[in-house]
């Protein structure tokens, strides 16, 4: 590359590379239990306390919601587009039903 060139690293492509195994496209939340396991494009040395607090609050609220509701979707119908990051082309429908 020459000086002044721009370089974009698609983190989604990095994490889906076949060197990580045959199941890279499968949803396995346990992959993210170790905070060092994946590249976080939002991480920085000067990250404010507010981000950590917001993440903790978001996880707490999500846990309460998931305790009372079942959330599902059909990922086979999801169509992605690359726009710096992978994004759904026209949103992604989910189903939410109250647990008994």
N, C-alpha and C. Protein backbone atom coordinates (compact mmCIF):
# COMPACT_ATOMS: atom_id res chain seq x y z
N UNK A 1 0.84 -1.17 0.00
CA UNK A 1 0.00 0.00 0.00
C UNK A 1 0.88 1.23 0.00
N UNK A 2 0.40 2.24 -0.65
CA UNK A 2 1.16 3.49 -0.67
C UNK A 2 0.70 4.41 0.45
N UNK A 3 1.54 5.37 0.79
CA UNK A 3 1.21 6.32 1.87
C UNK A 3 -0.08 7.04 1.54
N UNK A 4 -0.92 7.22 2.54
CA UNK A 4 -2.19 7.92 2.37
C UNK A 4 -3.33 7.04 1.91
N UNK A 5 -3.04 5.76 1.66
CA UNK A 5 -4.11 4.84 1.24
C UNK A 5 -5.02 4.52 2.41
N UNK A 6 -6.27 4.23 2.11
CA UNK A 6 -7.23 3.83 3.13
C UNK A 6 -7.33 2.31 3.14
N UNK A 7 -7.47 1.76 4.31
CA UNK A 7 -7.59 0.31 4.46
C UNK A 7 -8.78 0.03 5.37
N UNK A 8 -9.64 -0.87 4.95
CA UNK A 8 -10.81 -1.24 5.74
C UNK A 8 -10.70 -2.71 6.11
N UNK A 9 -10.86 -3.00 7.38
CA UNK A 9 -10.85 -4.38 7.86
C UNK A 9 -12.28 -4.77 8.19
N UNK A 10 -12.83 -5.71 7.44
CA UNK A 10 -14.18 -6.19 7.72
C UNK A 10 -14.10 -7.24 8.81
N UNK A 11 -14.44 -6.84 10.03
CA UNK A 11 -14.34 -7.72 11.19
C UNK A 11 -15.24 -8.94 11.00
N UNK A 12 -16.40 -8.76 10.37
CA UNK A 12 -17.30 -9.89 10.14
C UNK A 12 -16.62 -10.95 9.28
N UNK A 13 -15.84 -10.53 8.30
CA UNK A 13 -15.12 -11.47 7.46
C UNK A 13 -14.00 -12.16 8.23
N UNK A 14 -13.33 -11.43 9.09
CA UNK A 14 -12.27 -11.99 9.91
C UNK A 14 -12.80 -13.10 10.81
N UNK A 15 -13.96 -12.87 11.42
CA UNK A 15 -14.52 -13.85 12.34
C UNK A 15 -15.19 -15.02 11.64
N UNK A 16 -15.43 -14.92 10.33
CA UNK A 16 -16.08 -15.99 9.59
C UNK A 16 -15.11 -16.74 8.68
N UNK A 17 -13.84 -16.50 8.84
CA UNK A 17 -12.84 -17.17 8.00
C UNK A 17 -12.82 -18.66 8.30
N UNK A 18 -12.68 -19.50 7.27
CA UNK A 18 -12.68 -20.96 7.46
C UNK A 18 -11.59 -21.49 8.39
N UNK A 19 -10.54 -20.70 8.65
CA UNK A 19 -9.49 -21.20 9.55
C UNK A 19 -10.03 -21.44 10.96
N UNK A 20 -11.20 -20.85 11.30
CA UNK A 20 -11.77 -21.00 12.64
C UNK A 20 -12.64 -22.25 12.76
N UNK A 21 -12.77 -23.01 11.68
CA UNK A 21 -13.53 -24.27 11.74
C UNK A 21 -14.70 -24.28 10.77
N UNK A 22 -15.38 -25.42 10.75
CA UNK A 22 -16.50 -25.61 9.82
C UNK A 22 -17.79 -24.94 10.28
N UNK A 23 -17.84 -24.52 11.53
CA UNK A 23 -19.10 -23.98 12.08
C UNK A 23 -19.07 -22.46 12.26
N UNK A 24 -18.26 -21.75 11.48
CA UNK A 24 -18.12 -20.30 11.68
C UNK A 24 -19.41 -19.53 11.43
N UNK A 25 -20.32 -20.07 10.63
CA UNK A 25 -21.57 -19.38 10.33
C UNK A 25 -22.70 -19.78 11.26
N UNK A 26 -22.44 -20.68 12.20
CA UNK A 26 -23.47 -21.10 13.16
C UNK A 26 -23.50 -20.13 14.34
N UNK A 27 -24.70 -19.90 14.86
CA UNK A 27 -24.86 -19.02 16.02
C UNK A 27 -24.51 -19.80 17.27
N UNK A 28 -23.41 -19.45 17.90
CA UNK A 28 -22.95 -20.09 19.13
C UNK A 28 -22.53 -18.99 20.10
N UNK A 29 -23.45 -18.52 20.95
CA UNK A 29 -23.15 -17.41 21.86
C UNK A 29 -21.98 -17.69 22.79
N UNK A 30 -21.70 -18.95 23.08
CA UNK A 30 -20.59 -19.26 23.99
C UNK A 30 -19.24 -18.82 23.42
N UNK A 31 -19.18 -18.55 22.12
CA UNK A 31 -17.94 -18.05 21.52
C UNK A 31 -17.52 -16.72 22.13
N UNK A 32 -18.48 -15.94 22.61
CA UNK A 32 -18.21 -14.59 23.08
C UNK A 32 -18.07 -14.49 24.59
N UNK A 33 -18.01 -15.62 25.28
CA UNK A 33 -17.86 -15.58 26.74
C UNK A 33 -16.52 -14.98 27.14
N UNK A 34 -15.49 -15.27 26.36
CA UNK A 34 -14.16 -14.70 26.62
C UNK A 34 -14.06 -13.36 25.89
N UNK A 35 -13.94 -12.24 26.61
CA UNK A 35 -13.90 -10.93 25.94
C UNK A 35 -12.71 -10.75 25.01
N UNK A 36 -11.68 -11.58 25.15
CA UNK A 36 -10.50 -11.49 24.29
C UNK A 36 -10.64 -12.34 23.03
N UNK A 37 -11.73 -13.09 22.89
CA UNK A 37 -11.87 -14.05 21.80
C UNK A 37 -12.17 -13.39 20.46
N UNK A 38 -12.76 -12.21 20.47
CA UNK A 38 -13.14 -11.57 19.22
C UNK A 38 -12.66 -10.12 19.20
N UNK A 39 -12.48 -9.61 17.99
CA UNK A 39 -12.10 -8.21 17.83
C UNK A 39 -13.34 -7.35 17.99
N UNK A 40 -13.29 -6.40 18.89
CA UNK A 40 -14.40 -5.47 19.09
C UNK A 40 -14.08 -4.18 18.35
N UNK A 41 -14.82 -3.88 17.26
CA UNK A 41 -14.50 -2.68 16.48
C UNK A 41 -14.73 -1.39 17.26
N UNK A 42 -15.44 -1.44 18.39
CA UNK A 42 -15.70 -0.23 19.18
C UNK A 42 -14.74 -0.06 20.34
N UNK A 43 -13.80 -0.99 20.51
CA UNK A 43 -12.92 -0.89 21.66
C UNK A 43 -11.83 0.16 21.41
N UNK A 44 -11.42 0.80 22.47
CA UNK A 44 -10.36 1.80 22.40
C UNK A 44 -9.74 1.92 23.79
N UNK A 45 -8.54 2.42 23.84
CA UNK A 45 -7.86 2.55 25.13
C UNK A 45 -8.56 3.57 26.03
N UNK A 46 -9.21 4.54 25.43
CA UNK A 46 -9.83 5.60 26.23
C UNK A 46 -11.34 5.42 26.38
N UNK A 47 -11.82 4.18 26.35
CA UNK A 47 -13.25 3.92 26.49
C UNK A 47 -13.73 4.42 27.84
N UNK A 48 -14.82 5.14 27.82
CA UNK A 48 -15.35 5.76 29.03
C UNK A 48 -16.05 4.74 29.92
N UNK A 49 -16.16 5.07 31.21
CA UNK A 49 -16.88 4.24 32.17
C UNK A 49 -18.33 4.06 31.72
N UNK A 50 -18.89 5.06 31.08
CA UNK A 50 -20.29 5.01 30.64
C UNK A 50 -20.58 3.84 29.73
N UNK A 51 -19.63 3.48 28.87
CA UNK A 51 -19.84 2.35 27.96
C UNK A 51 -19.96 1.06 28.76
N UNK A 52 -19.10 0.87 29.74
CA UNK A 52 -19.15 -0.34 30.56
C UNK A 52 -20.46 -0.41 31.34
N UNK A 53 -20.88 0.72 31.89
CA UNK A 53 -22.14 0.77 32.63
C UNK A 53 -23.32 0.48 31.70
N UNK A 54 -23.30 1.08 30.51
CA UNK A 54 -24.38 0.87 29.55
C UNK A 54 -24.46 -0.59 29.13
N UNK A 55 -23.31 -1.23 28.91
CA UNK A 55 -23.30 -2.65 28.53
C UNK A 55 -23.86 -3.51 29.66
N UNK A 56 -23.47 -3.22 30.90
CA UNK A 56 -23.97 -3.98 32.04
C UNK A 56 -25.49 -3.81 32.16
N UNK A 57 -25.97 -2.59 32.01
CA UNK A 57 -27.39 -2.31 32.09
C UNK A 57 -28.16 -3.02 30.97
N UNK A 58 -27.61 -2.98 29.76
CA UNK A 58 -28.25 -3.63 28.63
C UNK A 58 -28.36 -5.14 28.86
N UNK A 59 -27.30 -5.75 29.37
CA UNK A 59 -27.32 -7.20 29.64
C UNK A 59 -28.34 -7.54 30.72
N UNK A 60 -28.45 -6.70 31.73
CA UNK A 60 -29.41 -6.93 32.81
C UNK A 60 -30.84 -6.85 32.29
N UNK A 61 -31.13 -5.83 31.50
CA UNK A 61 -32.46 -5.67 30.93
C UNK A 61 -32.78 -6.83 29.99
N UNK A 62 -31.82 -7.21 29.16
CA UNK A 62 -32.02 -8.33 28.24
C UNK A 62 -32.31 -9.62 28.99
N UNK A 63 -31.60 -9.87 30.08
CA UNK A 63 -31.84 -11.07 30.89
C UNK A 63 -33.26 -11.07 31.45
N UNK A 64 -33.74 -9.92 31.91
CA UNK A 64 -35.11 -9.83 32.44
C UNK A 64 -36.14 -10.06 31.33
N UNK A 65 -35.91 -9.48 30.16
CA UNK A 65 -36.84 -9.67 29.04
C UNK A 65 -36.87 -11.13 28.62
N UNK A 66 -35.70 -11.75 28.47
CA UNK A 66 -35.64 -13.15 28.03
C UNK A 66 -36.19 -14.12 29.07
N UNK A 67 -36.22 -13.72 30.32
CA UNK A 67 -36.81 -14.56 31.35
C UNK A 67 -38.32 -14.67 31.15
N UNK A 68 -38.94 -13.63 30.62
CA UNK A 68 -40.40 -13.58 30.48
C UNK A 68 -40.90 -13.79 29.05
N UNK A 69 -40.00 -13.69 28.05
CA UNK A 69 -40.42 -13.81 26.66
C UNK A 69 -39.48 -14.73 25.89
N UNK A 70 -40.02 -15.43 24.92
CA UNK A 70 -39.24 -16.28 24.02
C UNK A 70 -39.09 -15.51 22.71
N UNK A 71 -37.87 -15.32 22.26
CA UNK A 71 -37.59 -14.58 21.03
C UNK A 71 -37.02 -15.55 20.01
N UNK A 72 -37.57 -15.54 18.79
CA UNK A 72 -37.06 -16.44 17.75
C UNK A 72 -37.10 -15.72 16.40
N UNK A 73 -36.37 -16.27 15.45
CA UNK A 73 -36.36 -15.73 14.09
C UNK A 73 -35.94 -16.83 13.13
N UNK A 74 -36.17 -16.60 11.87
CA UNK A 74 -35.76 -17.54 10.83
C UNK A 74 -34.59 -16.92 10.07
N UNK A 75 -33.37 -17.28 10.47
CA UNK A 75 -32.19 -16.66 9.86
C UNK A 75 -31.99 -17.08 8.41
N UNK A 76 -32.68 -18.14 7.97
CA UNK A 76 -32.56 -18.55 6.56
C UNK A 76 -33.18 -17.51 5.64
N UNK A 77 -34.08 -16.67 6.17
CA UNK A 77 -34.72 -15.62 5.36
C UNK A 77 -33.97 -14.29 5.43
N UNK A 78 -32.92 -14.23 6.22
CA UNK A 78 -32.16 -12.99 6.40
C UNK A 78 -31.27 -12.75 5.19
N UNK A 79 -31.38 -11.58 4.59
CA UNK A 79 -30.53 -11.20 3.47
C UNK A 79 -29.64 -10.05 3.94
N UNK A 80 -28.33 -10.24 3.80
CA UNK A 80 -27.37 -9.25 4.30
C UNK A 80 -26.80 -8.41 3.17
N UNK A 81 -26.39 -7.20 3.52
CA UNK A 81 -25.64 -6.34 2.60
C UNK A 81 -24.43 -5.83 3.35
N UNK A 82 -23.37 -5.58 2.62
CA UNK A 82 -22.15 -5.07 3.24
C UNK A 82 -22.16 -3.55 3.11
N UNK A 83 -22.12 -2.88 4.24
CA UNK A 83 -22.09 -1.41 4.28
C UNK A 83 -21.11 -0.99 5.36
N UNK A 84 -19.86 -1.42 5.21
CA UNK A 84 -18.88 -1.21 6.29
C UNK A 84 -18.99 -2.35 7.28
N UNK A 85 -20.21 -2.66 7.65
CA UNK A 85 -20.53 -3.82 8.49
C UNK A 85 -21.62 -4.60 7.77
N UNK A 86 -21.83 -5.84 8.18
CA UNK A 86 -22.95 -6.59 7.61
C UNK A 86 -24.23 -6.06 8.21
N UNK A 87 -25.19 -5.72 7.36
CA UNK A 87 -26.48 -5.20 7.82
C UNK A 87 -27.59 -5.93 7.08
N UNK A 88 -28.73 -6.12 7.75
CA UNK A 88 -29.87 -6.70 7.03
C UNK A 88 -30.32 -5.74 5.93
N UNK A 89 -30.72 -6.29 4.77
CA UNK A 89 -31.15 -5.45 3.65
C UNK A 89 -32.40 -4.66 4.00
N UNK A 90 -33.37 -5.31 4.63
CA UNK A 90 -34.62 -4.61 4.93
C UNK A 90 -35.12 -4.98 6.31
N UNK A 91 -34.24 -4.92 7.29
CA UNK A 91 -34.62 -5.28 8.65
C UNK A 91 -34.60 -6.79 8.84
N UNK A 92 -34.91 -7.22 10.02
CA UNK A 92 -34.94 -8.66 10.31
C UNK A 92 -36.10 -8.91 11.26
N UNK A 93 -37.05 -9.71 10.81
CA UNK A 93 -38.24 -9.97 11.60
C UNK A 93 -37.95 -11.00 12.69
N UNK A 94 -38.48 -10.72 13.86
CA UNK A 94 -38.37 -11.67 14.97
C UNK A 94 -39.77 -11.92 15.51
N UNK A 95 -39.92 -13.05 16.17
CA UNK A 95 -41.18 -13.38 16.85
C UNK A 95 -40.93 -13.32 18.35
N UNK A 96 -41.86 -12.71 19.07
CA UNK A 96 -41.75 -12.60 20.52
C UNK A 96 -43.02 -13.18 21.12
N UNK A 97 -42.87 -14.18 21.99
CA UNK A 97 -44.05 -14.74 22.65
C UNK A 97 -43.80 -14.88 24.14
N UNK A 98 -44.83 -14.63 24.91
CA UNK A 98 -44.74 -14.66 26.36
C UNK A 98 -44.52 -16.10 26.84
N UNK A 99 -43.59 -16.26 27.77
CA UNK A 99 -43.36 -17.59 28.36
C UNK A 99 -44.46 -17.89 29.37
N UNK A 100 -44.74 -19.15 29.60
CA UNK A 100 -45.76 -19.54 30.59
C UNK A 100 -45.22 -19.50 31.99
